[in-house]
Amino acid sequence: MSTSARPPRQSRTGLTQTGARKAGSKTPRSRSREFALQALYQVQVGGNDVAAVDAFTHELAGFHKADPVHYQVLLEGCAAQSVSLDALITPFLDRRMPDISPIEHAIMWIGTYELQHCGDVPWRVVINECVELAKEFGGTDGHKYINAVLNGLASQLRPLEVQADRDAGLARA
């Protein structure tokens, strides 16, 4: 009787070793954020044209599982409004914008854009999704930085929603 040298099969759902969600646990909107992040990175670092990056991204494996409308809104909105998004983000930074990694910069664009323009996505979901992106694609403690910046922005961009959630939390305590 021979024993297989293969390790046991891993679950496709749950969390990875870094704490990020595994592929099987991701919603189409979560996947659209991932593809938007990758595209924004190419625009930011490579200086590539948004339309060319968009065409390339549509051809990537797994894109069919993403929400294409949400992806398009994020890519085009963040690219077009990058200067105004940076202006909103900068007061919450403890360092200069050029010192922020391009991945974390793009994640903050996505979070800020969603907080500002995607009212159908609750503020806590926006922050959680961006923290997940940072865990998967960012630096070791980048998710903590993203969380702090976006929490500050949420209070500014969605004050009524944030206050209502905080009041509800106090009522339960």
Protein backbone atom coordinates (compact mmCIF):
# COMPACT_ATOMS: atom_id res chain seq x y z
CA MET A 1 0.00 0.00 0.00
CA SER A 2 1.52 3.34 -1.05
CA THR A 3 0.97 6.54 0.79
CA SER A 4 0.42 9.71 -1.11
CA ALA A 5 2.98 12.49 -0.73
CA ARG A 6 0.23 15.05 -1.23
CA PRO A 7 -0.84 17.16 1.72
CA PRO A 8 -4.51 17.04 2.69
CA ARG A 9 -6.83 19.16 0.58
CA GLN A 10 -7.33 22.69 1.93
CA SER A 11 -10.71 24.34 2.28
CA ARG A 12 -11.42 27.11 -0.26
CA THR A 13 -13.50 29.03 2.27
CA GLY A 14 -12.55 30.61 5.57
CA LEU A 15 -9.36 32.56 6.22
CA THR A 16 -5.79 32.34 4.96
CA GLN A 17 -2.76 32.37 7.27
CA THR A 18 -2.64 36.18 7.01
CA GLY A 19 -6.28 36.48 8.11
CA ALA A 20 -7.61 37.39 4.66
CA ARG A 21 -10.68 35.65 3.25
CA LYS A 22 -10.09 32.70 0.96
CA ALA A 23 -11.31 32.85 -2.64
CA GLY A 24 -14.37 30.68 -2.02
CA SER A 25 -15.64 33.15 0.61
CA LYS A 26 -15.56 36.23 -1.63
CA THR A 27 -18.61 37.94 -3.04
CA PRO A 28 -18.69 39.38 -6.58
CA ARG A 29 -18.36 42.88 -5.11
CA SER A 30 -15.30 41.82 -3.09
CA ARG A 31 -13.75 40.43 -6.25
CA SER A 32 -14.55 43.66 -8.13
CA ARG A 33 -12.61 45.58 -5.48
CA GLU A 34 -9.65 43.24 -5.94
CA PHE A 35 -9.61 43.77 -9.70
CA ALA A 36 -10.06 47.53 -9.26
CA LEU A 37 -7.10 47.53 -6.86
CA GLN A 38 -4.92 45.70 -9.37
CA ALA A 39 -5.98 48.05 -12.16
CA LEU A 40 -5.43 51.19 -10.06
CA TYR A 41 -1.97 49.90 -9.13
CA GLN A 42 -1.13 49.63 -12.84
CA VAL A 43 -2.43 53.14 -13.46
CA GLN A 44 -0.57 54.55 -10.47
CA VAL A 45 2.79 52.77 -10.73
CA GLY A 46 2.99 52.01 -14.42
CA GLY A 47 1.38 55.22 -15.58
CA ASN A 48 -0.78 53.10 -17.86
CA ASP A 49 -3.87 54.43 -19.59
CA VAL A 50 -7.10 53.60 -17.72
CA ALA A 51 -8.79 52.21 -20.85
CA ALA A 52 -5.83 49.92 -21.62
CA VAL A 53 -5.66 48.69 -18.03
CA ASP A 54 -9.41 48.13 -18.07
CA ALA A 55 -9.22 46.01 -21.24
CA PHE A 56 -6.33 43.99 -19.79
CA THR A 57 -8.14 43.45 -16.47
CA HIS A 58 -11.27 42.12 -18.19
CA GLU A 59 -9.11 39.32 -19.62
CA LEU A 60 -7.68 38.19 -16.27
CA ALA A 61 -8.60 34.80 -14.87
CA GLY A 62 -11.55 35.01 -12.50
CA PHE A 63 -12.82 38.38 -13.70
CA HIS A 64 -16.08 36.72 -14.71
CA LYS A 65 -16.77 36.13 -10.99
CA ALA A 66 -16.54 39.86 -10.20
CA ASP A 67 -19.31 42.45 -10.28
CA PRO A 68 -18.31 44.22 -13.52
CA VAL A 69 -20.43 47.32 -12.87
CA HIS A 70 -18.94 47.94 -9.42
CA TYR A 71 -15.43 47.30 -10.78
CA GLN A 72 -16.01 49.85 -13.57
CA VAL A 73 -17.38 52.46 -11.17
CA LEU A 74 -14.40 52.04 -8.84
CA LEU A 75 -11.74 52.08 -11.54
CA GLU A 76 -13.10 55.03 -13.48
CA GLY A 77 -14.20 56.98 -10.41
CA CYS A 78 -10.94 56.58 -8.50
CA ALA A 79 -8.81 57.35 -11.55
CA ALA A 80 -10.84 60.43 -12.47
CA GLN A 81 -11.06 61.76 -8.90
CA SER A 82 -7.62 60.76 -7.61
CA VAL A 83 -6.62 64.36 -6.78
CA SER A 84 -9.80 65.09 -4.81
CA LEU A 85 -9.61 61.68 -3.09
CA ASP A 86 -6.02 62.45 -2.04
CA ALA A 87 -7.19 65.80 -0.67
CA LEU A 88 -9.72 64.00 1.54
CA ILE A 89 -7.24 61.33 2.66
CA THR A 90 -4.20 63.53 3.39
CA PRO A 91 -5.44 65.11 6.68
CA PHE A 92 -5.74 61.62 8.18
CA LEU A 93 -2.18 60.56 7.31
CA ASP A 94 0.76 60.65 9.68
CA ARG A 95 3.25 60.75 6.79
CA ARG A 96 3.54 62.25 3.34
CA MET A 97 1.47 60.65 0.55
CA PRO A 98 4.61 59.63 -1.43
CA ASP A 99 5.65 57.56 1.60
CA ILE A 100 2.46 55.47 1.41
CA SER A 101 2.79 52.22 -0.56
CA PRO A 102 0.98 52.29 -3.93
CA ILE A 103 -1.18 49.34 -2.83
CA GLU A 104 -2.33 51.05 0.35
CA HIS A 105 -2.79 54.31 -1.54
CA ALA A 106 -5.09 52.59 -4.06
CA ILE A 107 -7.00 50.85 -1.25
CA MET A 108 -7.57 54.22 0.41
CA TRP A 109 -8.83 55.59 -2.92
CA ILE A 110 -11.31 52.71 -3.17
CA GLY A 111 -12.51 53.15 0.41
CA THR A 112 -12.80 56.92 0.14
CA TYR A 113 -14.61 56.69 -3.18
CA GLU A 114 -17.09 54.14 -1.81
CA LEU A 115 -17.69 56.18 1.34
CA GLN A 116 -18.33 59.24 -0.80
CA HIS A 117 -20.30 57.79 -3.73
CA CYS A 118 -21.65 54.31 -2.88
CA GLY A 119 -24.32 54.97 -0.27
CA ASP A 120 -25.75 51.48 -0.82
CA VAL A 121 -22.62 50.02 0.83
CA PRO A 122 -22.68 50.51 4.62
CA TRP A 123 -19.66 52.39 5.98
CA ARG A 124 -18.58 49.43 8.11
CA VAL A 125 -18.64 47.18 5.03
CA VAL A 126 -16.49 49.67 3.09
CA ILE A 127 -13.89 49.69 5.85
CA ASN A 128 -13.98 45.91 6.33
CA GLU A 129 -13.55 45.26 2.61
CA CYS A 130 -10.59 47.64 2.44
CA VAL A 131 -9.01 46.04 5.51
CA GLU A 132 -9.39 42.65 3.80
CA LEU A 133 -7.71 44.02 0.65
CA ALA A 134 -4.84 45.33 2.76
CA LYS A 135 -4.43 41.98 4.54
CA GLU A 136 -4.25 40.18 1.22
CA PHE A 137 -2.26 42.61 -0.91
CA GLY A 138 -0.67 45.17 1.43
CA GLY A 139 2.22 45.27 3.86
CA THR A 140 2.35 43.48 7.21
CA ASP A 141 0.43 46.04 9.28
CA GLY A 142 -1.05 48.02 6.39
CA HIS A 143 -4.55 46.91 7.30
CA LYS A 144 -4.31 48.72 10.65
CA TYR A 145 -3.32 51.94 8.91
CA ILE A 146 -6.12 51.59 6.35
CA ASN A 147 -8.60 50.98 9.17
CA ALA A 148 -7.52 54.11 11.06
CA VAL A 149 -7.59 56.39 8.01
CA LEU A 150 -10.95 55.14 6.72
CA ASN A 151 -12.55 55.29 10.17
CA GLY A 152 -11.61 58.96 10.34
CA LEU A 153 -12.95 59.55 6.84
CA ALA A 154 -16.19 57.69 7.58
CA SER A 155 -16.93 60.08 10.45
CA GLN A 156 -16.40 63.00 8.06
CA LEU A 157 -18.12 61.62 4.94
CA ARG A 158 -20.99 59.72 6.58
CA PRO A 159 -21.50 61.37 9.95
CA LEU A 160 -25.17 60.46 10.38
CA GLU A 161 -24.64 56.78 9.51
CA VAL A 162 -21.59 56.50 11.79
CA GLN A 163 -23.36 58.26 14.68
CA ALA A 164 -26.46 56.06 14.30
CA ASP A 165 -24.30 52.93 14.47
CA ARG A 166 -22.45 54.24 17.52
CA ASP A 167 -25.73 55.17 19.25
CA ALA A 168 -27.12 51.70 18.49
CA GLY A 169 -23.96 50.17 19.99
CA LEU A 170 -24.35 52.19 23.18
CA ALA A 171 -28.01 51.19 23.45
CA ARG A 172 -27.02 47.51 23.40
CA ALA A 173 -24.31 47.92 26.04
